[in-house]
Amino acid sequence: MRRNLCLCVTLALHACSNTAGDSRDVRLQDVAIVFPKDVTYDLRDHLEVLGEDVQSGPADDGLSPPDCCGPEATGQEGLLDPGAVQPDTQTESVCVPACAGKSCGSDGCGGSCGKCTAPQTCIAGQCVCIPDCSGKECGDDGCGGDCAKVPCPLGCTPPPTPGSKGAPEFKCMRDGPCKKAAELVCSDLYRTGDIGYGGSDFLDVYACAAVPAHGPEKAYRFVPDQDGEVTFTLEDPQFPYMNLYLLKQQGSECTSKDCVASSHTSLTLKVAKGDLLWVVVDSTENNSGSYTLRIDCSWYVPPPR
């Protein structure tokens, strides 16, 4: 407290000068007052001690010296050393990663217990492969299984050749019958068309070709009216994976099992009057494309112009 300053020395001397029975004029002698080092004092404390009416000032600002005669004055008790490092009473929490039994996912501390490689995904801390058969009739389900909903005796359509821009169908390959066939005669000389428009997609596996053609096809029915030789030429195919197939029907309907010849450019075949032939433009990739089909019959004589 500011009132109990070490001015008590001065007060004690003043009291002694007024001892009862002593009429001598004893004046207060000058006494040196020693203030503790680094302590700030308030002049109002002196004035209060000397009887001056001083209004109390603002609350203790914590910078005043301790009581004069208390234990703080000795510097032995209750006095904190401002230079000393005070002990930290708070304990810092430590996050312990939890990856026991996990192969992926979060470790609970901002880290990871591992990552899954495609097509697997992380579910409840484990790498799990989820089969995907959407839009597929057969083929790989992405997890080593088969999406076949029904048996595919001829197999599933193979994926497109890299760089061909073809789209896989994931359908069971078929061997016929021919559908949406147009009529073809020697006098046509040539026909233009596009396998993606007005055609069908029923012929995939041809007995005369090693590579399946699971793209759409355009079929033509051709019946020669004379014996002789006929040549079919595929001109200006839009894509290199377009091919020409020649089927000679043996049973009640046309199938790709009746294929007798195939080529990327031209086919020549000896025929007999009344044979039932099918000329097919098909694609080894699931894509459309334009072309020109030229017909050359050895016996055909164009009419005079």
Protein backbone atom coordinates (compact mmCIF):
# COMPACT_ATOMS: atom_id res chain seq x y z
CA MET A 1 0.00 0.00 0.00
CA ARG A 2 1.17 3.50 -0.81
CA ARG A 3 0.34 4.85 2.65
CA ASN A 4 2.75 2.62 4.46
CA LEU A 5 5.86 3.92 2.89
CA CYS A 6 9.19 3.83 4.47
CA LEU A 7 8.65 7.40 5.63
CA CYS A 8 7.94 5.82 9.01
CA VAL A 9 11.47 6.83 9.93
CA THR A 10 10.56 10.48 9.62
CA LEU A 11 7.35 10.00 11.62
CA ALA A 12 9.18 8.27 14.42
CA LEU A 13 11.61 11.14 14.80
CA HIS A 14 8.81 13.67 14.79
CA ALA A 15 6.99 11.79 17.55
CA CYS A 16 10.07 11.77 19.74
CA SER A 17 10.38 15.53 19.60
CA ASN A 18 7.04 15.94 21.40
CA THR A 19 7.73 13.70 24.37
CA ALA A 20 5.57 14.54 27.39
CA GLY A 21 7.30 16.83 29.89
CA ASP A 22 9.84 18.03 27.46
CA SER A 23 9.30 21.76 26.84
CA ARG A 24 12.33 22.16 24.69
CA ASP A 25 11.84 23.25 21.15
CA VAL A 26 13.04 20.23 19.42
CA ARG A 27 12.89 20.58 15.70
CA LEU A 28 12.67 17.80 13.23
CA GLN A 29 16.11 17.00 12.11
CA ASP A 30 16.87 16.30 8.56
CA VAL A 31 17.04 12.57 8.02
CA ALA A 32 17.96 10.99 4.78
CA ILE A 33 15.28 8.72 3.40
CA VAL A 34 16.44 5.80 1.31
CA PHE A 35 14.01 4.51 -1.27
CA PRO A 36 14.29 0.97 -2.58
CA LYS A 37 15.71 0.77 -6.06
CA ASP A 38 13.35 0.65 -9.03
CA VAL A 39 10.24 1.49 -6.98
CA THR A 40 7.89 4.33 -7.89
CA TYR A 41 6.39 6.46 -5.12
CA ASP A 42 3.46 8.78 -5.07
CA LEU A 43 3.77 12.20 -3.42
CA ARG A 44 0.22 11.92 -2.15
CA ASP A 45 1.39 9.31 0.34
CA HIS A 46 3.67 11.87 1.94
CA LEU A 47 0.92 14.43 2.08
CA GLU A 48 -1.52 12.03 3.75
CA VAL A 49 1.05 11.17 6.38
CA LEU A 50 1.59 14.85 7.14
CA GLY A 51 -2.13 15.45 7.56
CA GLU A 52 -2.93 16.91 4.21
CA ASP A 53 -6.42 16.30 2.86
CA VAL A 54 -5.76 14.47 -0.40
CA GLN A 55 -8.48 12.77 -2.34
CA SER A 56 -7.76 9.22 -3.09
CA GLY A 57 -6.49 8.78 -6.62
CA PRO A 58 -7.05 6.02 -9.14
CA ALA A 59 -6.86 2.44 -8.15
CA ASP A 60 -3.55 0.82 -7.44
CA ASP A 61 -1.74 0.52 -10.71
CA GLY A 62 0.44 -2.31 -9.53
CA LEU A 63 3.61 -0.23 -9.74
CA SER A 64 3.66 0.96 -6.09
CA PRO A 65 6.10 -0.48 -3.60
CA PRO A 66 5.05 -3.15 -1.11
CA ASP A 67 4.13 -2.35 2.53
CA CYS A 68 6.95 -0.75 4.41
CA CYS A 69 7.11 -3.08 7.28
CA GLY A 70 5.55 -6.21 5.76
CA PRO A 71 7.38 -9.25 4.61
CA GLU A 72 7.50 -7.83 1.08
CA ALA A 73 9.84 -5.11 2.27
CA THR A 74 12.48 -7.66 3.13
CA GLY A 75 12.43 -9.08 -0.37
CA GLN A 76 12.36 -12.57 1.08
CA GLU A 77 8.73 -13.60 0.74
CA GLY A 78 5.94 -12.97 -1.75
CA LEU A 79 8.19 -11.13 -4.18
CA LEU A 80 8.22 -12.70 -7.69
CA ASP A 81 11.32 -12.36 -9.77
CA PRO A 82 10.14 -10.77 -13.05
CA GLY A 83 13.13 -12.30 -14.84
CA ALA A 84 12.37 -15.84 -13.81
CA VAL A 85 10.70 -18.23 -16.31
CA GLN A 86 7.37 -19.29 -14.95
CA PRO A 87 6.41 -22.96 -15.37
CA ASP A 88 3.85 -23.82 -18.11
CA THR A 89 0.88 -25.36 -16.39
CA GLN A 90 -0.87 -26.25 -19.71
CA THR A 91 -0.13 -29.59 -21.34
CA GLU A 92 -0.12 -29.63 -25.16
CA SER A 93 -2.35 -32.37 -26.63
CA VAL A 94 -0.68 -34.76 -29.09
CA CYS A 95 -2.65 -36.44 -31.95
CA VAL A 96 -1.81 -40.11 -32.35
CA PRO A 97 -2.43 -41.49 -35.89
CA ALA A 98 -4.82 -44.43 -36.00
CA CYS A 99 -4.21 -46.73 -38.99
CA ALA A 100 -4.65 -50.11 -37.34
CA GLY A 101 -6.67 -52.34 -39.67
CA LYS A 102 -6.80 -49.67 -42.41
CA SER A 103 -5.29 -49.75 -45.88
CA CYS A 104 -6.51 -46.31 -46.95
CA GLY A 105 -8.28 -43.20 -45.73
CA SER A 106 -7.54 -40.66 -43.03
CA ASP A 107 -5.35 -41.44 -40.01
CA GLY A 108 -7.34 -39.00 -37.87
CA CYS A 109 -4.48 -36.51 -37.63
CA GLY A 110 -4.56 -34.97 -41.07
CA GLY A 111 -2.44 -37.71 -42.61
CA SER A 112 -3.28 -40.76 -44.72
CA CYS A 113 -3.26 -44.49 -44.08
CA GLY A 114 -2.73 -45.19 -47.80
CA LYS A 115 -4.30 -44.70 -51.22
CA CYS A 116 -6.20 -47.05 -53.51
CA THR A 117 -5.33 -47.62 -57.16
CA ALA A 118 -8.03 -47.51 -59.84
CA PRO A 119 -10.54 -49.05 -60.22
CA GLN A 120 -10.57 -49.56 -56.45
CA THR A 121 -12.00 -46.95 -54.12
CA CYS A 122 -11.62 -46.44 -50.38
CA ILE A 123 -14.61 -47.54 -48.28
CA ALA A 124 -14.42 -47.64 -44.47
CA GLY A 125 -10.64 -47.76 -44.55
CA GLN A 126 -10.40 -50.60 -47.08
CA CYS A 127 -9.68 -50.60 -50.83
CA VAL A 128 -12.73 -52.07 -52.54
CA CYS A 129 -13.41 -52.65 -56.25
CA ILE A 130 -17.00 -51.94 -57.29
CA PRO A 131 -18.07 -53.70 -60.54
CA ASP A 132 -19.39 -51.43 -63.27
CA CYS A 133 -21.62 -53.05 -65.90
CA SER A 134 -23.73 -50.05 -66.82
CA GLY A 135 -24.65 -50.20 -70.50
CA LYS A 136 -22.78 -53.46 -70.97
CA GLU A 137 -24.20 -56.75 -72.21
CA CYS A 138 -20.88 -58.52 -71.67
CA GLY A 139 -17.21 -57.77 -71.12
CA ASP A 140 -15.02 -56.86 -68.17
CA ASP A 141 -16.81 -55.42 -65.15
CA GLY A 142 -13.70 -53.55 -64.09
CA CYS A 143 -12.94 -55.90 -61.20
CA GLY A 144 -11.89 -59.01 -63.09
CA GLY A 145 -15.44 -60.31 -63.54
CA ASP A 146 -17.77 -60.58 -66.53
CA CYS A 147 -20.81 -58.43 -67.19
CA ALA A 148 -22.44 -61.13 -69.37
CA LYS A 149 -26.17 -61.19 -68.61
CA VAL A 150 -26.62 -64.05 -71.06
CA PRO A 151 -24.03 -66.49 -72.45
CA CYS A 152 -22.11 -65.15 -75.46
CA PRO A 153 -21.19 -68.22 -77.60
CA LEU A 154 -19.22 -66.08 -80.05
CA GLY A 155 -17.70 -63.89 -77.37
CA CYS A 156 -18.02 -60.21 -76.59
CA THR A 157 -17.28 -57.45 -79.05
CA PRO A 158 -13.59 -56.62 -78.73
CA PRO A 159 -12.50 -53.11 -77.81
CA PRO A 160 -11.66 -50.68 -80.62
CA THR A 161 -8.20 -50.51 -82.11
CA PRO A 162 -6.22 -47.72 -80.38
CA GLY A 163 -6.37 -44.55 -82.42
CA SER A 164 -9.40 -45.60 -84.47
CA LYS A 165 -11.82 -43.47 -82.40
CA GLY A 166 -14.25 -46.38 -82.37
CA ALA A 167 -16.48 -46.91 -79.34
CA PRO A 168 -16.77 -50.38 -77.75
CA GLU A 169 -20.28 -51.81 -77.58
CA PHE A 170 -19.77 -54.56 -74.98
CA LYS A 171 -22.39 -56.71 -76.70
CA CYS A 172 -22.49 -60.39 -77.58
CA MET A 173 -21.12 -60.87 -81.10
CA ARG A 174 -23.58 -62.19 -83.70
CA ASP A 175 -23.29 -64.13 -86.92
CA GLY A 176 -26.50 -63.04 -88.65
CA PRO A 177 -28.99 -62.95 -90.15
CA CYS A 178 -28.61 -60.11 -92.63
CA LYS A 179 -31.08 -57.30 -92.07
CA LYS A 180 -32.26 -54.26 -93.98
CA ALA A 181 -30.61 -55.42 -97.19
CA ALA A 182 -31.02 -53.46 -100.41
CA GLU A 183 -31.24 -54.98 -103.89
CA LEU A 184 -28.20 -54.80 -106.14
CA VAL A 185 -28.03 -55.45 -109.94
CA CYS A 186 -25.31 -55.21 -112.57
CA SER A 187 -26.90 -52.16 -114.18
CA ASP A 188 -26.34 -50.18 -110.99
CA LEU A 189 -22.66 -49.89 -111.89
CA TYR A 190 -22.01 -48.27 -108.50
CA ARG A 191 -23.79 -47.39 -105.26
CA THR A 192 -22.89 -44.85 -102.61
CA GLY A 193 -23.81 -45.25 -98.98
CA ASP A 194 -22.91 -44.92 -95.31
CA ILE A 195 -22.83 -47.83 -92.87
CA GLY A 196 -24.15 -45.59 -90.13
CA TYR A 197 -27.36 -44.60 -91.94
CA GLY A 198 -30.05 -47.01 -93.11
CA GLY A 199 -27.95 -50.03 -92.18
CA SER A 200 -28.01 -52.56 -89.35
CA ASP A 201 -25.72 -54.07 -86.72
CA PHE A 202 -26.38 -57.81 -86.75
CA LEU A 203 -23.21 -59.22 -88.35
CA ASP A 204 -20.05 -59.34 -86.26
CA VAL A 205 -18.18 -62.62 -86.73
CA TYR A 206 -17.41 -63.57 -90.34
CA ALA A 207 -16.19 -67.07 -91.18
CA CYS A 208 -13.88 -65.63 -93.87
CA ALA A 209 -12.13 -63.04 -91.64
CA ALA A 210 -9.98 -63.39 -88.55
CA VAL A 211 -10.92 -60.00 -87.11
CA PRO A 212 -14.49 -59.46 -85.87
CA ALA A 213 -16.41 -56.55 -87.37
CA HIS A 214 -18.63 -55.33 -84.56
CA GLY A 215 -19.45 -52.02 -86.19
CA PRO A 216 -22.66 -51.31 -88.14
CA GLU A 217 -22.99 -52.79 -91.62
CA LYS A 218 -24.78 -52.18 -94.90
CA ALA A 219 -25.92 -55.34 -96.76
CA TYR A 220 -26.95 -55.78 -100.45
CA ARG A 221 -28.76 -58.77 -101.95
CA PHE A 222 -27.42 -59.78 -105.38
CA VAL A 223 -28.82 -62.54 -107.70
CA PRO A 224 -26.95 -62.91 -111.06
CA ASP A 225 -29.12 -63.55 -114.12
CA GLN A 226 -26.26 -65.19 -116.05
CA ASP A 227 -23.20 -67.31 -115.40
CA GLY A 228 -19.97 -65.43 -115.34
CA GLU A 229 -17.68 -63.39 -113.18
CA VAL A 230 -18.50 -60.41 -110.99
CA THR A 231 -16.22 -57.90 -109.29
CA PHE A 232 -17.19 -55.72 -106.31
CA THR A 233 -14.89 -52.80 -105.44
CA LEU A 234 -14.95 -50.68 -102.28
CA GLU A 235 -13.95 -47.20 -103.38
CA ASP A 236 -13.24 -44.13 -101.27
CA PRO A 237 -13.89 -45.69 -97.84
CA GLN A 238 -13.99 -42.92 -95.27
CA PHE A 239 -12.04 -44.96 -92.72
CA PRO A 240 -9.39 -47.68 -93.09
CA TYR A 241 -11.28 -50.10 -90.84
CA MET A 242 -14.13 -50.47 -93.35
CA ASN A 243 -14.14 -53.77 -95.28
CA LEU A 244 -16.00 -55.67 -98.00
CA TYR A 245 -17.49 -59.14 -97.32
CA LEU A 246 -19.11 -61.55 -99.81
CA LEU A 247 -21.60 -64.12 -98.48
CA LYS A 248 -23.08 -67.00 -100.47
CA GLN A 249 -26.28 -68.13 -98.77
CA GLN A 250 -26.47 -71.85 -98.09
CA GLY A 251 -29.56 -72.15 -95.92
CA SER A 252 -32.85 -70.36 -95.46
CA GLU A 253 -31.25 -67.09 -94.43
CA CYS A 254 -28.07 -65.10 -94.75
CA THR A 255 -25.51 -65.30 -91.94
CA SER A 256 -21.92 -64.24 -91.55
CA LYS A 257 -21.05 -67.96 -91.37
CA ASP A 258 -21.67 -68.07 -95.14
CA CYS A 259 -18.80 -65.65 -95.83
CA VAL A 260 -16.65 -66.85 -98.74
CA ALA A 261 -14.35 -63.85 -99.28
CA SER A 262 -13.37 -60.53 -97.69
CA SER A 263 -11.16 -57.62 -98.65
CA HIS A 264 -10.42 -54.03 -97.86
CA THR A 265 -10.50 -53.06 -101.52
CA SER A 266 -11.91 -55.50 -104.14
CA LEU A 267 -13.47 -59.01 -104.54
CA THR A 268 -13.90 -61.08 -107.74
CA LEU A 269 -16.00 -64.24 -107.77
CA LYS A 270 -17.31 -66.71 -110.40
CA VAL A 271 -21.07 -67.00 -110.07
CA ALA A 272 -23.89 -69.03 -111.59
CA LYS A 273 -27.28 -67.85 -112.64
CA GLY A 274 -29.68 -67.83 -109.68
CA ASP A 275 -27.03 -67.83 -106.89
CA LEU A 276 -28.10 -65.88 -103.83
CA LEU A 277 -25.23 -63.58 -102.85
CA TRP A 278 -24.92 -60.91 -100.16
CA VAL A 279 -22.45 -58.08 -100.47
CA VAL A 280 -21.76 -56.46 -97.11
CA VAL A 281 -19.81 -53.32 -96.17
CA ASP A 282 -18.88 -53.63 -92.50
CA SER A 283 -16.51 -52.07 -90.00
CA THR A 284 -14.11 -53.57 -87.50
CA GLU A 285 -14.78 -50.56 -85.25
CA ASN A 286 -18.07 -49.30 -83.89
CA ASN A 287 -18.27 -46.25 -86.08
CA SER A 288 -20.05 -45.01 -89.19
CA GLY A 289 -18.46 -44.08 -92.51
CA SER A 290 -19.27 -43.33 -96.13
CA TYR A 291 -18.13 -45.31 -99.18
CA THR A 292 -18.74 -46.07 -102.87
CA LEU A 293 -19.45 -49.65 -103.99
CA ARG A 294 -18.74 -50.37 -107.69
CA ILE A 295 -20.24 -53.39 -109.54
CA ASP A 296 -18.68 -54.95 -112.65
CA CYS A 297 -20.42 -57.98 -114.23
CA SER A 298 -18.47 -59.69 -117.03
CA TRP A 299 -21.62 -60.45 -119.00
CA TYR A 300 -23.31 -57.13 -118.57
CA VAL A 301 -23.43 -54.91 -121.62
CA PRO A 302 -24.53 -51.35 -120.85
CA PRO A 303 -27.28 -50.11 -123.19
CA PRO A 304 -26.24 -47.68 -125.91
CA ARG A 305 -26.51 -44.04 -125.03
